[in-house]
Amino acid sequence: MLLHWKEYNFGSWTIKSRDTETIIGFGGLSYRLYGDELKLNLGYRFSAESWGQGYATELAKFSIDYGFNVLQQEKIFAIVRPKHMASIKVLEKCKMKLVGKLDDVTGEAHSLIYLIEK
């Protein structure tokens, strides 16, 4: 993550709880390989204790706005495992659309690729 920040001047943020200032996850935008193509990717990971409280949706919406209005990007992608229904719902709430699949984990179902365009 630090190398990405050094190279591009943006990347994943540390996410803290508003109430306790406890770190509950990491997320934001970074470049990621989709097969052999480098794409701007929305990603996040939260502690299980923070699930279901709207943090992922809040982060995703902020990241999309940041990508379009600060970074001046036209497209933002996200990869999600097909069994992660909560993350799929977050992406769909943010108006991201399913556009394809990616065979990125050997022996597992293909990941789903989501996209939002400015």
PDB file of N, CA and C in Angstrom:
ATOM      1  N   MET A   1       0.823  -1.192   0.000  1.00  0.00           N
ATOM      2  CA  MET A   1       0.000   0.000   0.000  1.00  0.00           C
ATOM      3  C   MET A   1       0.866   1.255   0.000  1.00  0.00           C
ATOM      4  N   LEU A   2       1.942   1.239   0.762  1.00  0.00           N
ATOM      5  CA  LEU A   2       2.796   2.424   0.830  1.00  0.00           C
ATOM      6  C   LEU A   2       3.488   2.699  -0.503  1.00  0.00           C
ATOM      7  N   LEU A   3       3.892   1.643  -1.195  1.00  0.00           N
ATOM      8  CA  LEU A   3       4.515   1.832  -2.510  1.00  0.00           C
ATOM      9  C   LEU A   3       3.527   2.443  -3.497  1.00  0.00           C
ATOM     10  N   HIS A   4       2.265   2.036  -3.437  1.00  0.00           N
ATOM     11  CA  HIS A   4       1.256   2.609  -4.323  1.00  0.00           C
ATOM     12  C   HIS A   4       1.107   4.106  -4.040  1.00  0.00           C
ATOM     13  N   TRP A   5       1.034   4.478  -2.760  1.00  0.00           N
ATOM     14  CA  TRP A   5       0.939   5.892  -2.399  1.00  0.00           C
ATOM     15  C   TRP A   5       2.145   6.665  -2.932  1.00  0.00           C
ATOM     16  N   LYS A   6       3.322   6.074  -2.789  1.00  0.00           N
ATOM     17  CA  LYS A   6       4.549   6.749  -3.230  1.00  0.00           C
ATOM     18  C   LYS A   6       4.543   6.960  -4.746  1.00  0.00           C
ATOM     19  N   GLU A   7       4.080   5.959  -5.493  1.00  0.00           N
ATOM     20  CA  GLU A   7       4.103   6.037  -6.946  1.00  0.00           C
ATOM     21  C   GLU A   7       2.978   6.899  -7.520  1.00  0.00           C
ATOM     22  N   TYR A   8       1.770   6.811  -6.960  1.00  0.00           N
ATOM     23  CA  TYR A   8       0.596   7.458  -7.560  1.00  0.00           C
ATOM     24  C   TYR A   8       0.029   8.621  -6.736  1.00  0.00           C
ATOM     25  N   ASN A   9       0.478   8.786  -5.515  1.00  0.00           N
ATOM     26  CA  ASN A   9      -0.007   9.829  -4.618  1.00  0.00           C
ATOM     27  C   ASN A   9      -1.467   9.630  -4.190  1.00  0.00           C
ATOM     28  N   PHE A  10      -1.930   8.403  -4.219  1.00  0.00           N
ATOM     29  CA  PHE A  10      -3.224   8.013  -3.665  1.00  0.00           C
ATOM     30  C   PHE A  10      -3.194   6.514  -3.447  1.00  0.00           C
ATOM     31  N   GLY A  11      -4.185   6.010  -2.718  1.00  0.00           N
ATOM     32  CA  GLY A  11      -4.255   4.577  -2.447  1.00  0.00           C
ATOM     33  C   GLY A  11      -5.269   4.288  -1.357  1.00  0.00           C
ATOM     34  N   SER A  12      -5.096   3.182  -0.686  1.00  0.00           N
ATOM     35  CA  SER A  12      -6.026   2.794   0.377  1.00  0.00           C
ATOM     36  C   SER A  12      -5.817   3.645   1.616  1.00  0.00           C
ATOM     37  N   TRP A  13      -6.933   3.897   2.288  1.00  0.00           N
ATOM     38  CA  TRP A  13      -6.922   4.634   3.542  1.00  0.00           C
ATOM     39  C   TRP A  13      -7.144   3.673   4.708  1.00  0.00           C
ATOM     40  N   THR A  14      -6.715   4.081   5.880  1.00  0.00           N
ATOM     41  CA  THR A  14      -7.055   3.394   7.121  1.00  0.00           C
ATOM     42  C   THR A  14      -8.412   3.923   7.556  1.00  0.00           C
ATOM     43  N   ILE A  15      -9.311   3.037   7.951  1.00  0.00           N
ATOM     44  CA  ILE A  15     -10.658   3.436   8.334  1.00  0.00           C
ATOM     45  C   ILE A  15     -10.831   3.202   9.834  1.00  0.00           C
ATOM     46  N   LYS A  16     -11.255   4.256  10.519  1.00  0.00           N
ATOM     47  CA  LYS A  16     -11.458   4.187  11.961  1.00  0.00           C
ATOM     48  C   LYS A  16     -12.931   4.368  12.289  1.00  0.00           C
ATOM     49  N   SER A  17     -13.335   3.780  13.381  1.00  0.00           N
ATOM     50  CA  SER A  17     -14.684   3.980  13.922  1.00  0.00           C
ATOM     51  C   SER A  17     -14.819   5.430  14.381  1.00  0.00           C
ATOM     52  N   ARG A  18     -15.971   6.015  14.108  1.00  0.00           N
ATOM     53  CA  ARG A  18     -16.212   7.394  14.559  1.00  0.00           C
ATOM     54  C   ARG A  18     -16.252   7.474  16.081  1.00  0.00           C
ATOM     55  N   ASP A  19     -16.762   6.430  16.700  1.00  0.00           N
ATOM     56  CA  ASP A  19     -16.977   6.464  18.146  1.00  0.00           C
ATOM     57  C   ASP A  19     -15.717   6.212  18.958  1.00  0.00           C
ATOM     58  N   THR A  20     -14.954   5.214  18.564  1.00  0.00           N
ATOM     59  CA  THR A  20     -13.836   4.775  19.397  1.00  0.00           C
ATOM     60  C   THR A  20     -12.458   5.070  18.813  1.00  0.00           C
ATOM     61  N   GLU A  21     -12.427   5.536  17.545  1.00  0.00           N
ATOM     62  CA  GLU A  21     -11.150   5.766  16.862  1.00  0.00           C
ATOM     63  C   GLU A  21     -10.362   4.461  16.652  1.00  0.00           C
ATOM     64  N   THR A  22     -11.033   3.319  16.808  1.00  0.00           N
ATOM     65  CA  THR A  22     -10.416   2.018  16.573  1.00  0.00           C
ATOM     66  C   THR A  22     -10.348   1.760  15.075  1.00  0.00           C
ATOM     67  N   ILE A  23      -9.234   1.248  14.605  1.00  0.00           N
ATOM     68  CA  ILE A  23      -9.116   0.889  13.193  1.00  0.00           C
ATOM     69  C   ILE A  23     -10.038  -0.293  12.921  1.00  0.00           C
ATOM     70  N   ILE A  24     -10.935  -0.110  11.930  1.00  0.00           N
ATOM     71  CA  ILE A  24     -11.897  -1.165  11.592  1.00  0.00           C
ATOM     72  C   ILE A  24     -11.686  -1.724  10.191  1.00  0.00           C
ATOM     73  N   GLY A  25     -10.768  -1.123   9.436  1.00  0.00           N
ATOM     74  CA  GLY A  25     -10.522  -1.644   8.098  1.00  0.00           C
ATOM     75  C   GLY A  25      -9.628  -0.756   7.275  1.00  0.00           C
ATOM     76  N   PHE A  26      -9.528  -1.134   5.995  1.00  0.00           N
ATOM     77  CA  PHE A  26      -8.729  -0.417   5.016  1.00  0.00           C
ATOM     78  C   PHE A  26      -9.503  -0.405   3.711  1.00  0.00           C
ATOM     79  N   GLY A  27      -9.369   0.662   2.940  1.00  0.00           N
ATOM     80  CA  GLY A  27     -10.035   0.671   1.647  1.00  0.00           C
ATOM     81  C   GLY A  27      -9.797   1.958   0.889  1.00  0.00           C
ATOM     82  N   GLY A  28     -10.215   1.916  -0.376  1.00  0.00           N
ATOM     83  CA  GLY A  28     -10.067   3.075  -1.237  1.00  0.00           C
ATOM     84  C   GLY A  28      -9.801   2.638  -2.661  1.00  0.00           C
ATOM     85  N   LEU A  29      -9.056   3.458  -3.379  1.00  0.00           N
ATOM     86  CA  LEU A  29      -8.740   3.199  -4.772  1.00  0.00           C
ATOM     87  C   LEU A  29      -7.263   2.908  -4.950  1.00  0.00           C
ATOM     88  N   SER A  30      -6.976   1.977  -5.843  1.00  0.00           N
ATOM     89  CA  SER A  30      -5.589   1.683  -6.202  1.00  0.00           C
ATOM     90  C   SER A  30      -5.592   0.995  -7.555  1.00  0.00           C
ATOM     91  N   TYR A  31      -4.459   1.055  -8.218  1.00  0.00           N
ATOM     92  CA  TYR A  31      -4.337   0.324  -9.476  1.00  0.00           C
ATOM     93  C   TYR A  31      -4.089  -1.142  -9.167  1.00  0.00           C
ATOM     94  N   ARG A  32      -4.768  -2.002  -9.922  1.00  0.00           N
ATOM     95  CA  ARG A  32      -4.671  -3.445  -9.713  1.00  0.00           C
ATOM     96  C   ARG A  32      -4.698  -4.141 -11.067  1.00  0.00           C
ATOM     97  N   LEU A  33      -3.962  -5.235 -11.149  1.00  0.00           N
ATOM     98  CA  LEU A  33      -3.975  -6.019 -12.377  1.00  0.00           C
ATOM     99  C   LEU A  33      -5.246  -6.847 -12.461  1.00  0.00           C
ATOM    100  N   TYR A  34      -5.914  -6.754 -13.584  1.00  0.00           N
ATOM    101  CA  TYR A  34      -7.056  -7.596 -13.944  1.00  0.00           C
ATOM    102  C   TYR A  34      -6.531  -8.461 -15.080  1.00  0.00           C
ATOM    103  N   GLY A  35      -6.027  -9.650 -14.739  1.00  0.00           N
ATOM    104  CA  GLY A  35      -5.307 -10.426 -15.738  1.00  0.00           C
ATOM    105  C   GLY A  35      -4.012  -9.698 -16.035  1.00  0.00           C
ATOM    106  N   ASP A  36      -3.870  -9.190 -17.260  1.00  0.00           N
ATOM    107  CA  ASP A  36      -2.668  -8.425 -17.596  1.00  0.00           C
ATOM    108  C   ASP A  36      -2.973  -6.944 -17.847  1.00  0.00           C
ATOM    109  N   GLU A  37      -4.191  -6.485 -17.461  1.00  0.00           N
ATOM    110  CA  GLU A  37      -4.573  -5.084 -17.614  1.00  0.00           C
ATOM    111  C   GLU A  37      -4.598  -4.384 -16.263  1.00  0.00           C
ATOM    112  N   LEU A  38      -3.962  -3.226 -16.195  1.00  0.00           N
ATOM    113  CA  LEU A  38      -3.963  -2.425 -14.980  1.00  0.00           C
ATOM    114  C   LEU A  38      -5.207  -1.533 -14.984  1.00  0.00           C
ATOM    115  N   LYS A  39      -6.020  -1.631 -13.920  1.00  0.00           N
ATOM    116  CA  LYS A  39      -7.267  -0.866 -13.841  1.00  0.00           C
ATOM    117  C   LYS A  39      -7.371  -0.198 -12.479  1.00  0.00           C
ATOM    118  N   LEU A  40      -8.088   0.922 -12.439  1.00  0.00           N
ATOM    119  CA  LEU A  40      -8.344   1.592 -11.172  1.00  0.00           C
ATOM    120  C   LEU A  40      -9.397   0.785 -10.420  1.00  0.00           C
ATOM    121  N   ASN A  41      -9.043   0.315  -9.250  1.00  0.00           N
ATOM    122  CA  ASN A  41      -9.853  -0.642  -8.501  1.00  0.00           C
ATOM    123  C   ASN A  41     -10.306  -0.067  -7.161  1.00  0.00           C
ATOM    124  N   LEU A  42     -11.589  -0.243  -6.880  1.00  0.00           N
ATOM    125  CA  LEU A  42     -12.160   0.061  -5.575  1.00  0.00           C
ATOM    126  C   LEU A  42     -12.061  -1.210  -4.735  1.00  0.00           C
ATOM    127  N   GLY A  43     -11.463  -1.097  -3.581  1.00  0.00           N
ATOM    128  CA  GLY A  43     -11.351  -2.265  -2.708  1.00  0.00           C
ATOM    129  C   GLY A  43     -11.463  -1.875  -1.248  1.00  0.00           C
ATOM    130  N   TYR A  44     -11.883  -2.821  -0.432  1.00  0.00           N
ATOM    131  CA  TYR A  44     -11.996  -2.568   1.000  1.00  0.00           C
ATOM    132  C   TYR A  44     -12.010  -3.888   1.756  1.00  0.00           C
ATOM    133  N   ARG A  45     -11.587  -3.804   2.991  1.00  0.00           N
ATOM    134  CA  ARG A  45     -11.652  -4.918   3.936  1.00  0.00           C
ATOM    135  C   ARG A  45     -11.975  -4.326   5.302  1.00  0.00           C
ATOM    136  N   PHE A  46     -12.970  -4.925   5.960  1.00  0.00           N
ATOM    137  CA  PHE A  46     -13.384  -4.462   7.273  1.00  0.00           C
ATOM    138  C   PHE A  46     -13.344  -5.613   8.268  1.00  0.00           C
ATOM    139  N   SER A  47     -13.122  -5.278   9.533  1.00  0.00           N
ATOM    140  CA  SER A  47     -13.201  -6.284  10.582  1.00  0.00           C
ATOM    141  C   SER A  47     -14.638  -6.772  10.674  1.00  0.00           C
ATOM    142  N   ALA A  48     -14.809  -8.026  11.024  1.00  0.00           N
ATOM    143  CA  ALA A  48     -16.151  -8.622  11.101  1.00  0.00           C
ATOM    144  C   ALA A  48     -17.050  -7.861  12.069  1.00  0.00           C
ATOM    145  N   GLU A  49     -16.479  -7.302  13.113  1.00  0.00           N
ATOM    146  CA  GLU A  49     -17.272  -6.565  14.094  1.00  0.00           C
ATOM    147  C   GLU A  49     -17.936  -5.327  13.499  1.00  0.00           C
ATOM    148  N   SER A  50     -17.398  -4.822  12.388  1.00  0.00           N
ATOM    149  CA  SER A  50     -17.934  -3.589  11.805  1.00  0.00           C
ATOM    150  C   SER A  50     -18.893  -3.847  10.635  1.00  0.00           C
ATOM    151  N   TRP A  51     -19.104  -5.101  10.285  1.00  0.00           N
ATOM    152  CA  TRP A  51     -19.998  -5.432   9.179  1.00  0.00           C
ATOM    153  C   TRP A  51     -21.430  -5.001   9.496  1.00  0.00           C
ATOM    154  N   GLY A  52     -22.168  -4.650   8.460  1.00  0.00           N
ATOM    155  CA  GLY A  52     -23.579  -4.337   8.599  1.00  0.00           C
ATOM    156  C   GLY A  52     -23.878  -2.967   9.173  1.00  0.00           C
ATOM    157  N   GLN A  53     -22.880  -2.097   9.255  1.00  0.00           N
ATOM    158  CA  GLN A  53     -23.087  -0.772   9.835  1.00  0.00           C
ATOM    159  C   GLN A  53     -22.981   0.348   8.799  1.00  0.00           C
ATOM    160  N   GLY A  54     -22.863  -0.012   7.520  1.00  0.00           N
ATOM    161  CA  GLY A  54     -22.833   0.996   6.466  1.00  0.00           C
ATOM    162  C   GLY A  54     -21.459   1.541   6.120  1.00  0.00           C
ATOM    163  N   TYR A  55     -20.425   1.064   6.792  1.00  0.00           N
ATOM    164  CA  TYR A  55     -19.088   1.581   6.527  1.00  0.00           C
ATOM    165  C   TYR A  55     -18.628   1.316   5.091  1.00  0.00           C
ATOM    166  N   ALA A  56     -18.880   0.123   4.582  1.00  0.00           N
ATOM    167  CA  ALA A  56     -18.430  -0.215   3.226  1.00  0.00           C
ATOM    168  C   ALA A  56     -19.126   0.658   2.190  1.00  0.00           C
ATOM    169  N   THR A  57     -20.415   0.881   2.356  1.00  0.00           N
ATOM    170  CA  THR A  57     -21.148   1.729   1.418  1.00  0.00           C
ATOM    171  C   THR A  57     -20.633   3.165   1.481  1.00  0.00           C
ATOM    172  N   GLU A  58     -20.416   3.673   2.683  1.00  0.00           N
ATOM    173  CA  GLU A  58     -19.906   5.034   2.848  1.00  0.00           C
ATOM    174  C   GLU A  58     -18.528   5.170   2.198  1.00  0.00           C
ATOM    175  N   LEU A  59     -17.658   4.210   2.441  1.00  0.00           N
ATOM    176  CA  LEU A  59     -16.320   4.247   1.845  1.00  0.00           C
ATOM    177  C   LEU A  59     -16.400   4.150   0.319  1.00  0.00           C
ATOM    178  N   ALA A  60     -17.213   3.234  -0.195  1.00  0.00           N
ATOM    179  CA  ALA A  60     -17.323   3.045  -1.637  1.00  0.00           C
ATOM    180  C   ALA A  60     -17.820   4.317  -2.315  1.00  0.00           C
ATOM    181  N   LYS A  61     -18.855   4.947  -1.771  1.00  0.00           N
ATOM    182  CA  LYS A  61     -19.387   6.177  -2.367  1.00  0.00           C
ATOM    183  C   LYS A  61     -18.351   7.296  -2.335  1.00  0.00           C
ATOM    184  N   PHE A  62     -17.667   7.434  -1.220  1.00  0.00           N
ATOM    185  CA  PHE A  62     -16.624   8.456  -1.112  1.00  0.00           C
ATOM    186  C   PHE A  62     -15.510   8.190  -2.118  1.00  0.00           C
ATOM    187  N   SER A  63     -15.098   6.938  -2.234  1.00  0.00           N
ATOM    188  CA  SER A  63     -14.002   6.576  -3.145  1.00  0.00           C
ATOM    189  C   SER A  63     -14.376   6.848  -4.595  1.00  0.00           C
ATOM    190  N   ILE A  64     -15.596   6.529  -4.967  1.00  0.00           N
ATOM    191  CA  ILE A  64     -16.052   6.777  -6.337  1.00  0.00           C
ATOM    192  C   ILE A  64     -16.050   8.281  -6.619  1.00  0.00           C
ATOM    193  N   ASP A  65     -16.580   9.060  -5.705  1.00  0.00           N
ATOM    194  CA  ASP A  65     -16.576  10.515  -5.863  1.00  0.00           C
ATOM    195  C   ASP A  65     -15.141  11.039  -5.978  1.00  0.00           C
ATOM    196  N   TYR A  66     -14.268  10.550  -5.142  1.00  0.00           N
ATOM    197  CA  TYR A  66     -12.853  10.943  -5.159  1.00  0.00           C
ATOM    198  C   TYR A  66     -12.216  10.578  -6.500  1.00  0.00           C
ATOM    199  N   GLY A  67     -12.473   9.379  -6.982  1.00  0.00           N
ATOM    200  CA  GLY A  67     -11.903   8.936  -8.247  1.00  0.00           C
ATOM    201  C   GLY A  67     -12.356   9.782  -9.419  1.00  0.00           C
ATOM    202  N   PHE A  68     -13.629  10.132  -9.455  1.00  0.00           N
ATOM    203  CA  PHE A  68     -14.164  10.925 -10.561  1.00  0.00           C
ATOM    204  C   PHE A  68     -13.797  12.406 -10.451  1.00  0.00           C
ATOM    205  N   ASN A  69     -13.894  12.970  -9.257  1.00  0.00           N
ATOM    206  CA  ASN A  69     -13.776  14.422  -9.105  1.00  0.00           C
ATOM    207  C   ASN A  69     -12.404  14.925  -8.691  1.00  0.00           C
ATOM    208  N   VAL A  70     -11.625  14.116  -8.003  1.00  0.00           N
ATOM    209  CA  VAL A  70     -10.277  14.537  -7.618  1.00  0.00           C
ATOM    210  C   VAL A  70      -9.245  13.943  -8.571  1.00  0.00           C
ATOM    211  N   LEU A  71      -9.337  12.628  -8.802  1.00  0.00           N
ATOM    212  CA  LEU A  71      -8.375  11.964  -9.695  1.00  0.00           C
ATOM    213  C   LEU A  71      -8.725  12.139 -11.173  1.00  0.00           C
ATOM    214  N   GLN A  72      -9.943  12.628 -11.446  1.00  0.00           N
ATOM    215  CA  GLN A  72     -10.409  12.866 -12.812  1.00  0.00           C
ATOM    216  C   GLN A  72     -10.370  11.606 -13.682  1.00  0.00           C
ATOM    217  N   GLN A  73     -10.767  10.485 -13.096  1.00  0.00           N
ATOM    218  CA  GLN A  73     -10.822   9.214 -13.813  1.00  0.00           C
ATOM    219  C   GLN A  73     -12.212   9.031 -14.429  1.00  0.00           C
ATOM    220  N   GLU A  74     -12.287   8.273 -15.491  1.00  0.00           N
ATOM    221  CA  GLU A  74     -13.547   8.033 -16.193  1.00  0.00           C
ATOM    222  C   GLU A  74     -14.203   6.708 -15.793  1.00  0.00           C
ATOM    223  N   LYS A  75     -13.378   5.747 -15.319  1.00  0.00           N
ATOM    224  CA  LYS A  75     -13.885   4.415 -14.984  1.00  0.00           C
ATOM    225  C   LYS A  75     -13.265   3.938 -13.678  1.00  0.00           C
ATOM    226  N   ILE A  76     -14.090   3.270 -12.874  1.00  0.00           N
ATOM    227  CA  ILE A  76     -13.616   2.636 -11.651  1.00  0.00           C
ATOM    228  C   ILE A  76     -14.177   1.217 -11.627  1.00  0.00           C
ATOM    229  N   PHE A  77     -13.316   0.267 -11.354  1.00  0.00           N
ATOM    230  CA  PHE A  77     -13.673  -1.137 -11.336  1.00  0.00           C
ATOM    231  C   PHE A  77     -13.643  -1.672  -9.909  1.00  0.00           C
ATOM    232  N   ALA A  78     -14.256  -2.821  -9.708  1.00  0.00           N
ATOM    233  CA  ALA A  78     -14.181  -3.543  -8.438  1.00  0.00           C
ATOM    234  C   ALA A  78     -14.277  -5.034  -8.740  1.00  0.00           C
ATOM    235  N   ILE A  79     -13.572  -5.826  -7.964  1.00  0.00           N
ATOM    236  CA  ILE A  79     -13.625  -7.285  -8.074  1.00  0.00           C
ATOM    237  C   ILE A  79     -14.215  -7.820  -6.787  1.00  0.00           C
ATOM    238  N   VAL A  80     -15.136  -8.772  -6.924  1.00  0.00           N
ATOM    239  CA  VAL A  80     -15.755  -9.358  -5.732  1.00  0.00           C
ATOM    240  C   VAL A  80     -15.929 -10.859  -5.956  1.00  0.00           C
ATOM    241  N   ARG A  81     -15.744 -11.611  -4.909  1.00  0.00           N
ATOM    242  CA  ARG A  81     -15.984 -13.052  -4.979  1.00  0.00           C
ATOM    243  C   ARG A  81     -17.498 -13.265  -5.047  1.00  0.00           C
ATOM    244  N   PRO A  82     -17.965 -14.202  -5.863  1.00  0.00           N
ATOM    245  CA  PRO A  82     -19.406 -14.375  -6.070  1.00  0.00           C
ATOM    246  C   PRO A  82     -20.191 -14.757  -4.819  1.00  0.00           C
ATOM    247  N   LYS A  83     -19.540 -15.312  -3.824  1.00  0.00           N
ATOM    248  CA  LYS A  83     -20.255 -15.696  -2.599  1.00  0.00           C
ATOM    249  C   LYS A  83     -20.373 -14.540  -1.587  1.00  0.00           C
ATOM    250  N   HIS A  84     -19.735 -13.405  -1.852  1.00  0.00           N
ATOM    251  CA  HIS A  84     -19.759 -12.275  -0.930  1.00  0.00           C
ATOM    252  C   HIS A  84     -20.931 -11.350  -1.263  1.00  0.00           C
ATOM    253  N   MET A  85     -22.124 -11.808  -0.915  1.00  0.00           N
ATOM    254  CA  MET A  85     -23.349 -11.096  -1.264  1.00  0.00           C
ATOM    255  C   MET A  85     -23.412  -9.690  -0.651  1.00  0.00           C
ATOM    256  N   ALA A  86     -22.909  -9.516   0.542  1.00  0.00           N
ATOM    257  CA  ALA A  86     -22.945  -8.186   1.163  1.00  0.00           C
ATOM    258  C   ALA A  86     -22.122  -7.189   0.346  1.00  0.00           C
ATOM    259  N   SER A  87     -20.955  -7.612  -0.121  1.00  0.00           N
ATOM    260  CA  SER A  87     -20.122  -6.722  -0.942  1.00  0.00           C
ATOM    261  C   SER A  87     -20.756  -6.461  -2.304  1.00  0.00           C
ATOM    262  N   ILE A  88     -21.392  -7.461  -2.862  1.00  0.00           N
ATOM    263  CA  ILE A  88     -22.105  -7.269  -4.130  1.00  0.00           C
ATOM    264  C   ILE A  88     -23.200  -6.221  -3.953  1.00  0.00           C
ATOM    265  N   LYS A  89     -23.931  -6.297  -2.851  1.00  0.00           N
ATOM    266  CA  LYS A  89     -25.000  -5.322  -2.580  1.00  0.00           C
ATOM    267  C   LYS A  89     -24.431  -3.914  -2.420  1.00  0.00           C
ATOM    268  N   VAL A  90     -23.274  -3.794  -1.772  1.00  0.00           N
ATOM    269  CA  VAL A  90     -22.629  -2.486  -1.627  1.00  0.00           C
ATOM    270  C   VAL A  90     -22.313  -1.908  -2.995  1.00  0.00           C
ATOM    271  N   LEU A  91     -21.698  -2.700  -3.862  1.00  0.00           N
ATOM    272  CA  LEU A  91     -21.334  -2.206  -5.195  1.00  0.00           C
ATOM    273  C   LEU A  91     -22.571  -1.802  -5.986  1.00  0.00           C
ATOM    274  N   GLU A  92     -23.619  -2.588  -5.891  1.00  0.00           N
ATOM    275  CA  GLU A  92     -24.851  -2.271  -6.620  1.00  0.00           C
ATOM    276  C   GLU A  92     -25.540  -1.030  -6.052  1.00  0.00           C
ATOM    277  N   LYS A  93     -25.475  -0.821  -4.732  1.00  0.00           N
ATOM    278  CA  LYS A  93     -26.019   0.403  -4.131  1.00  0.00           C
ATOM    279  C   LYS A  93     -25.292   1.641  -4.662  1.00  0.00           C
ATOM    280  N   CYS A  94     -24.033   1.447  -4.999  1.00  0.00           N
ATOM    281  CA  CYS A  94     -23.203   2.543  -5.511  1.00  0.00           C
ATOM    282  C   CYS A  94     -23.319   2.694  -7.023  1.00  0.00           C
ATOM    283  N   LYS A  95     -24.282   1.997  -7.614  1.00  0.00           N
ATOM    284  CA  LYS A  95     -24.577   2.073  -9.049  1.00  0.00           C
ATOM    285  C   LYS A  95     -23.505   1.441  -9.935  1.00  0.00           C
ATOM    286  N   MET A  96     -22.716   0.552  -9.354  1.00  0.00           N
ATOM    287  CA  MET A  96     -21.749  -0.196 -10.161  1.00  0.00           C
ATOM    288  C   MET A  96     -22.494  -1.344 -10.841  1.00  0.00           C
ATOM    289  N   LYS A  97     -22.078  -1.677 -12.044  1.00  0.00           N
ATOM    290  CA  LYS A  97     -22.739  -2.704 -12.849  1.00  0.00           C
ATOM    291  C   LYS A  97     -21.797  -3.885 -13.082  1.00  0.00           C
ATOM    292  N   LEU A  98     -22.359  -5.082 -13.050  1.00  0.00           N
ATOM    293  CA  LEU A  98     -21.619  -6.292 -13.358  1.00  0.00           C
ATOM    294  C   LEU A  98     -21.288  -6.281 -14.847  1.00  0.00           C
ATOM    295  N   VAL A  99     -19.983  -6.396 -15.175  1.00  0.00           N
ATOM    296  CA  VAL A  99     -19.567  -6.331 -16.586  1.00  0.00           C
ATOM    297  C   VAL A  99     -18.765  -7.541 -17.034  1.00  0.00           C
ATOM    298  N   GLY A 100     -18.420  -8.439 -16.127  1.00  0.00           N
ATOM    299  CA  GLY A 100     -17.635  -9.595 -16.541  1.00  0.00           C
ATOM    300  C   GLY A 100     -17.177 -10.428 -15.365  1.00  0.00           C
ATOM    301  N   LYS A 101     -16.314 -11.368 -15.690  1.00  0.00           N
ATOM    302  CA  LYS A 101     -15.749 -12.270 -14.685  1.00  0.00           C
ATOM    303  C   LYS A 101     -14.251 -12.360 -14.910  1.00  0.00           C
ATOM    304  N   LEU A 102     -13.537 -12.734 -13.852  1.00  0.00           N
ATOM    305  CA  LEU A 102     -12.086 -12.851 -13.915  1.00  0.00           C
ATOM    306  C   LEU A 102     -11.658 -14.118 -13.191  1.00  0.00           C
ATOM    307  N   ASP A 103     -10.893 -14.941 -13.869  1.00  0.00           N
ATOM    308  CA  ASP A 103     -10.355 -16.164 -13.269  1.00  0.00           C
ATOM    309  C   ASP A 103      -9.065 -15.800 -12.537  1.00  0.00           C
ATOM    310  N   ASP A 104      -9.210 -15.361 -11.292  1.00  0.00           N
ATOM    311  CA  ASP A 104      -8.056 -14.849 -10.543  1.00  0.00           C
ATOM    312  C   ASP A 104      -7.666 -15.695  -9.337  1.00  0.00           C
ATOM    313  N   VAL A 105      -8.469 -16.708  -9.004  1.00  0.00           N
ATOM    314  CA  VAL A 105      -8.139 -17.581  -7.876  1.00  0.00           C
ATOM    315  C   VAL A 105      -8.245 -19.024  -8.363  1.00  0.00           C
ATOM    316  N   THR A 106      -7.123 -19.676  -8.472  1.00  0.00           N
ATOM    317  CA  THR A 106      -7.078 -21.045  -8.984  1.00  0.00           C
ATOM    318  C   THR A 106      -7.984 -21.967  -8.176  1.00  0.00           C
ATOM    319  N   GLY A 107      -8.824 -22.714  -8.897  1.00  0.00           N
ATOM    320  CA  GLY A 107      -9.689 -23.693  -8.261  1.00  0.00           C
ATOM    321  C   GLY A 107     -10.964 -23.121  -7.663  1.00  0.00           C
ATOM    322  N   GLU A 108     -11.178 -21.815  -7.779  1.00  0.00           N
ATOM    323  CA  GLU A 108     -12.370 -21.168  -7.233  1.00  0.00           C
ATOM    324  C   GLU A 108     -13.223 -20.618  -8.371  1.00  0.00           C
ATOM    325  N   ALA A 109     -14.468 -20.325  -8.057  1.00  0.00           N
ATOM    326  CA  ALA A 109     -15.347 -19.678  -9.029  1.00  0.00           C
ATOM    327  C   ALA A 109     -14.726 -18.345  -9.437  1.00  0.00           C
ATOM    328  N   HIS A 110     -14.971 -17.943 -10.672  1.00  0.00           N
ATOM    329  CA  HIS A 110     -14.419 -16.684 -11.170  1.00  0.00           C
ATOM    330  C   HIS A 110     -14.953 -15.510 -10.358  1.00  0.00           C
ATOM    331  N   SER A 111     -14.097 -14.532 -10.114  1.00  0.00           N
ATOM    332  CA  SER A 111     -14.526 -13.305  -9.450  1.00  0.00           C
ATOM    333  C   SER A 111     -15.401 -12.503 -10.400  1.00  0.00           C
ATOM    334  N   LEU A 112     -16.276 -11.686  -9.826  1.00  0.00           N
ATOM    335  CA  LEU A 112     -17.155 -10.833 -10.605  1.00  0.00           C
ATOM    336  C   LEU A 112     -16.507  -9.461 -10.750  1.00  0.00           C
ATOM    337  N   ILE A 113     -16.589  -8.888 -11.939  1.00  0.00           N
ATOM    338  CA  ILE A 113     -16.027  -7.571 -12.203  1.00  0.00           C
ATOM    339  C   ILE A 113     -17.171  -6.568 -12.308  1.00  0.00           C
ATOM    340  N   TYR A 114     -17.094  -5.528 -11.500  1.00  0.00           N
ATOM    341  CA  TYR A 114     -18.067  -4.438 -11.530  1.00  0.00           C
ATOM    342  C   TYR A 114     -17.397  -3.173 -12.046  1.00  0.00           C
ATOM    343  N   LEU A 115     -18.205  -2.287 -12.638  1.00  0.00           N
ATOM    344  CA  LEU A 115     -17.708  -1.059 -13.244  1.00  0.00           C
ATOM    345  C   LEU A 115     -18.706   0.069 -13.015  1.00  0.00           C
ATOM    346  N   ILE A 116     -18.165   1.259 -12.795  1.00  0.00           N
ATOM    347  CA  ILE A 116     -18.957   2.483 -12.842  1.00  0.00           C
ATOM    348  C   ILE A 116     -18.198   3.459 -13.718  1.00  0.00           C
ATOM    349  N   GLU A 117     -18.942   4.169 -14.568  1.00  0.00           N
ATOM    350  CA  GLU A 117     -18.342   5.164 -15.447  1.00  0.00           C
ATOM    351  C   GLU A 117     -18.879   6.534 -15.084  1.00  0.00           C
ATOM    352  N   LYS A 118     -18.022   7.538 -15.214  1.00  0.00           N
ATOM    353  CA  LYS A 118     -18.389   8.914 -14.883  1.00  0.00           C
ATOM    354  C   LYS A 118     -19.528   9.392 -15.758  1.00  0.00           C
TER     355      LYS A 118
END
